[in-house]
Amino acid sequence: DDAETPEETLHLVLEAILVVVKVDDAAAAAWSGALAPATLRVWAEKVADPVMAADARDVLEALAAVPACLPSLHQLAIPTLSAVLAAPDSQPPMLVESSLDLVAGLLRPAAHAEARFAHAACFRHVAALAVSSDDVGVLQ
């Protein structure tokens, strides 16, 4: 059967969004209010699928690289990620590790204000994971 699965279609959509975000800052800024929440939702729902999670993370990191998108993206994503990191034992497999990766990706282009916001929300949870986790993926 030549019909694409929903996962293949979603993969193609995320790749197309990634291209647009990377080549057109104005389009990324104009659409980030819709793209960021939808992509964050896809990332959270598909975190166990390494390809889908990576595709969604790439889109979120590309949005973060657009200065006009960064503040609102942090306001959206950091509280969600902090909540995941605050209760690691109640999360599905791969979500904590992937959350740490996403926090790191969102911090790379962060200005001082966004970095302070992320630090205030996440640092204590990240430190607790560092001293208590035996999961190699989390410790990396």
C-alpha atoms as a PDB file:
ATOM      1  CA  ASP A   1       0.000   0.000   0.000  1.00  0.00           C
ATOM      2  CA  ASP A   2       1.409   3.362  -1.044  1.00  0.00           C
ATOM      3  CA  ALA A   3      -0.675   5.357   1.427  1.00  0.00           C
ATOM      4  CA  GLU A   4       1.403   7.213   3.976  1.00  0.00           C
ATOM      5  CA  THR A   5       0.830   6.590   7.642  1.00  0.00           C
ATOM      6  CA  PRO A   6      -0.151   9.514   9.856  1.00  0.00           C
ATOM      7  CA  GLU A   7       3.346   9.389  11.383  1.00  0.00           C
ATOM      8  CA  GLU A   8       4.989   9.739   7.968  1.00  0.00           C
ATOM      9  CA  THR A   9       2.709  12.651   7.147  1.00  0.00           C
ATOM     10  CA  LEU A  10       3.460  14.339  10.457  1.00  0.00           C
ATOM     11  CA  HIS A  11       7.180  13.829   9.856  1.00  0.00           C
ATOM     12  CA  LEU A  12       6.882  15.565   6.474  1.00  0.00           C
ATOM     13  CA  VAL A  13       4.842  18.414   7.953  1.00  0.00           C
ATOM     14  CA  LEU A  14       7.405  18.984  10.712  1.00  0.00           C
ATOM     15  CA  GLU A  15      10.237  18.939   8.168  1.00  0.00           C
ATOM     16  CA  ALA A  16       8.411  21.507   6.017  1.00  0.00           C
ATOM     17  CA  ILE A  17       7.767  23.741   9.034  1.00  0.00           C
ATOM     18  CA  LEU A  18      11.424  23.473   9.994  1.00  0.00           C
ATOM     19  CA  VAL A  19      12.522  24.650   6.555  1.00  0.00           C
ATOM     20  CA  VAL A  20      10.172  27.642   6.636  1.00  0.00           C
ATOM     21  CA  VAL A  21      11.226  28.642  10.155  1.00  0.00           C
ATOM     22  CA  LYS A  22      14.910  28.409   9.264  1.00  0.00           C
ATOM     23  CA  VAL A  23      14.665  30.447   6.060  1.00  0.00           C
ATOM     24  CA  ASP A  24      12.038  33.068   6.933  1.00  0.00           C
ATOM     25  CA  ASP A  25      12.249  34.791  10.324  1.00  0.00           C
ATOM     26  CA  ALA A  26       9.228  36.968   9.496  1.00  0.00           C
ATOM     27  CA  ALA A  27       7.048  33.943   8.734  1.00  0.00           C
ATOM     28  CA  ALA A  28       8.334  32.183  11.856  1.00  0.00           C
ATOM     29  CA  ALA A  29       7.469  35.212  13.983  1.00  0.00           C
ATOM     30  CA  ALA A  30       4.044  35.590  12.372  1.00  0.00           C
ATOM     31  CA  TRP A  31       3.132  31.934  12.890  1.00  0.00           C
ATOM     32  CA  SER A  32       4.966  31.109  16.120  1.00  0.00           C
ATOM     33  CA  GLY A  33       1.826  31.638  18.201  1.00  0.00           C
ATOM     34  CA  ALA A  34       0.245  28.685  16.397  1.00  0.00           C
ATOM     35  CA  LEU A  35       3.350  26.633  15.630  1.00  0.00           C
ATOM     36  CA  ALA A  36       4.944  26.604  19.076  1.00  0.00           C
ATOM     37  CA  PRO A  37       2.013  25.169  21.077  1.00  0.00           C
ATOM     38  CA  ALA A  38       1.158  22.624  18.388  1.00  0.00           C
ATOM     39  CA  THR A  39       4.782  21.530  18.047  1.00  0.00           C
ATOM     40  CA  LEU A  40       5.249  21.314  21.813  1.00  0.00           C
ATOM     41  CA  ARG A  41       2.137  19.125  21.973  1.00  0.00           C
ATOM     42  CA  VAL A  42       3.471  16.853  19.199  1.00  0.00           C
ATOM     43  CA  TRP A  43       6.814  16.637  20.991  1.00  0.00           C
ATOM     44  CA  ALA A  44       5.165  15.624  24.281  1.00  0.00           C
ATOM     45  CA  GLU A  45       2.838  13.093  22.648  1.00  0.00           C
ATOM     46  CA  LYS A  46       5.509  11.528  20.429  1.00  0.00           C
ATOM     47  CA  VAL A  47       8.481  11.662  22.808  1.00  0.00           C
ATOM     48  CA  ALA A  48       8.853   7.862  22.724  1.00  0.00           C
ATOM     49  CA  ASP A  49       9.344   8.009  18.942  1.00  0.00           C
ATOM     50  CA  PRO A  50      12.923   9.222  18.492  1.00  0.00           C
ATOM     51  CA  VAL A  51      12.353  10.535  14.956  1.00  0.00           C
ATOM     52  CA  MET A  52       9.157  12.428  15.785  1.00  0.00           C
ATOM     53  CA  ALA A  53      10.555  13.812  19.032  1.00  0.00           C
ATOM     54  CA  ALA A  54      13.700  14.974  17.223  1.00  0.00           C
ATOM     55  CA  ASP A  55      11.648  16.568  14.432  1.00  0.00           C
ATOM     56  CA  ALA A  56       9.501  18.479  16.919  1.00  0.00           C
ATOM     57  CA  ARG A  57      12.536  19.475  19.001  1.00  0.00           C
ATOM     58  CA  ASP A  58      14.270  20.754  15.859  1.00  0.00           C
ATOM     59  CA  VAL A  59      11.268  22.965  15.046  1.00  0.00           C
ATOM     60  CA  LEU A  60      11.149  24.312  18.605  1.00  0.00           C
ATOM     61  CA  GLU A  61      14.887  25.000  18.595  1.00  0.00           C
ATOM     62  CA  ALA A  62      14.604  26.716  15.199  1.00  0.00           C
ATOM     63  CA  LEU A  63      11.805  28.907  16.575  1.00  0.00           C
ATOM     64  CA  ALA A  64      14.012  29.696  19.574  1.00  0.00           C
ATOM     65  CA  ALA A  65      16.738  30.868  17.188  1.00  0.00           C
ATOM     66  CA  VAL A  66      14.389  33.575  15.863  1.00  0.00           C
ATOM     67  CA  PRO A  67      14.729  36.495  18.300  1.00  0.00           C
ATOM     68  CA  ALA A  68      11.096  37.574  17.849  1.00  0.00           C
ATOM     69  CA  CYS A  69       9.867  34.087  18.799  1.00  0.00           C
ATOM     70  CA  LEU A  70      12.124  33.394  21.750  1.00  0.00           C
ATOM     71  CA  PRO A  71      10.340  35.223  24.608  1.00  0.00           C
ATOM     72  CA  SER A  72       6.900  33.769  23.900  1.00  0.00           C
ATOM     73  CA  LEU A  73       8.366  30.317  23.254  1.00  0.00           C
ATOM     74  CA  HIS A  74      10.075  30.392  26.644  1.00  0.00           C
ATOM     75  CA  GLN A  75       6.854  31.569  28.303  1.00  0.00           C
ATOM     76  CA  LEU A  76       5.070  28.591  26.751  1.00  0.00           C
ATOM     77  CA  ALA A  77       7.641  25.818  27.004  1.00  0.00           C
ATOM     78  CA  ILE A  78       9.644  26.420  30.169  1.00  0.00           C
ATOM     79  CA  PRO A  79       6.732  26.008  32.648  1.00  0.00           C
ATOM     80  CA  THR A  80       5.730  22.774  30.902  1.00  0.00           C
ATOM     81  CA  LEU A  81       9.286  21.455  30.938  1.00  0.00           C
ATOM     82  CA  SER A  82       9.777  22.509  34.555  1.00  0.00           C
ATOM     83  CA  ALA A  83       6.662  20.575  35.571  1.00  0.00           C
ATOM     84  CA  VAL A  84       8.031  17.454  33.870  1.00  0.00           C
ATOM     85  CA  LEU A  85      11.402  17.839  35.577  1.00  0.00           C
ATOM     86  CA  ALA A  86       9.751  18.454  38.959  1.00  0.00           C
ATOM     87  CA  ALA A  87       8.057  15.037  38.947  1.00  0.00           C
ATOM     88  CA  PRO A  88      10.375  12.721  37.009  1.00  0.00           C
ATOM     89  CA  ASP A  89       9.040   9.502  38.520  1.00  0.00           C
ATOM     90  CA  SER A  90       5.517  10.131  37.237  1.00  0.00           C
ATOM     91  CA  GLN A  91       6.562  10.757  33.621  1.00  0.00           C
ATOM     92  CA  PRO A  92       6.403   8.356  30.687  1.00  0.00           C
ATOM     93  CA  PRO A  93       9.674   6.874  29.435  1.00  0.00           C
ATOM     94  CA  MET A  94      11.963   9.293  27.615  1.00  0.00           C
ATOM     95  CA  LEU A  95      10.059  12.441  28.635  1.00  0.00           C
ATOM     96  CA  VAL A  96      12.512  13.573  31.324  1.00  0.00           C
ATOM     97  CA  GLU A  97      15.578  12.988  29.160  1.00  0.00           C
ATOM     98  CA  SER A  98      13.947  14.693  26.199  1.00  0.00           C
ATOM     99  CA  SER A  99      12.829  17.595  28.412  1.00  0.00           C
ATOM    100  CA  LEU A 100      16.408  18.172  29.498  1.00  0.00           C
ATOM    101  CA  ASP A 101      17.499  18.150  25.854  1.00  0.00           C
ATOM    102  CA  LEU A 102      14.789  20.638  24.954  1.00  0.00           C
ATOM    103  CA  VAL A 103      15.633  22.970  27.845  1.00  0.00           C
ATOM    104  CA  ALA A 104      19.246  22.951  26.685  1.00  0.00           C
ATOM    105  CA  GLY A 105      18.182  23.683  23.113  1.00  0.00           C
ATOM    106  CA  LEU A 106      15.975  26.566  24.192  1.00  0.00           C
ATOM    107  CA  LEU A 107      18.729  28.044  26.348  1.00  0.00           C
ATOM    108  CA  ARG A 108      21.377  28.157  23.601  1.00  0.00           C
ATOM    109  CA  PRO A 109      19.976  31.264  21.892  1.00  0.00           C
ATOM    110  CA  ALA A 110      18.429  32.721  25.069  1.00  0.00           C
ATOM    111  CA  ALA A 111      18.998  36.296  26.074  1.00  0.00           C
ATOM    112  CA  HIS A 112      19.650  37.157  29.704  1.00  0.00           C
ATOM    113  CA  ALA A 113      15.946  37.542  30.598  1.00  0.00           C
ATOM    114  CA  GLU A 114      14.957  34.190  29.092  1.00  0.00           C
ATOM    115  CA  ALA A 115      17.936  32.442  30.683  1.00  0.00           C
ATOM    116  CA  ARG A 116      17.004  33.847  34.113  1.00  0.00           C
ATOM    117  CA  PHE A 117      13.392  32.723  33.647  1.00  0.00           C
ATOM    118  CA  ALA A 118      14.491  29.199  32.680  1.00  0.00           C
ATOM    119  CA  HIS A 119      16.993  29.045  35.534  1.00  0.00           C
ATOM    120  CA  ALA A 120      14.378  30.102  38.085  1.00  0.00           C
ATOM    121  CA  ALA A 121      11.917  27.521  36.796  1.00  0.00           C
ATOM    122  CA  CYS A 122      14.194  24.559  36.140  1.00  0.00           C
ATOM    123  CA  PHE A 123      17.508  24.714  37.985  1.00  0.00           C
ATOM    124  CA  ARG A 124      16.406  23.102  41.256  1.00  0.00           C
ATOM    125  CA  HIS A 125      14.765  20.246  39.351  1.00  0.00           C
ATOM    126  CA  VAL A 126      17.800  19.712  37.116  1.00  0.00           C
ATOM    127  CA  ALA A 127      20.104  19.740  40.157  1.00  0.00           C
ATOM    128  CA  ALA A 128      17.880  17.217  41.942  1.00  0.00           C
ATOM    129  CA  LEU A 129      17.983  14.952  38.891  1.00  0.00           C
ATOM    130  CA  ALA A 130      21.764  15.252  38.688  1.00  0.00           C
ATOM    131  CA  VAL A 131      22.242  14.060  42.258  1.00  0.00           C
ATOM    132  CA  SER A 132      19.497  11.436  42.384  1.00  0.00           C
ATOM    133  CA  SER A 133      19.130   9.883  38.950  1.00  0.00           C
ATOM    134  CA  ASP A 134      20.908   6.755  37.837  1.00  0.00           C
ATOM    135  CA  ASP A 135      19.549   7.096  34.272  1.00  0.00           C
ATOM    136  CA  VAL A 136      22.511   7.603  31.955  1.00  0.00           C
ATOM    137  CA  GLY A 137      20.348   9.497  29.441  1.00  0.00           C
ATOM    138  CA  VAL A 138      19.286  11.979  32.107  1.00  0.00           C
ATOM    139  CA  LEU A 139      22.816  12.456  33.441  1.00  0.00           C
ATOM    140  CA  GLN A 140      24.223  13.226  30.006  1.00  0.00           C
END
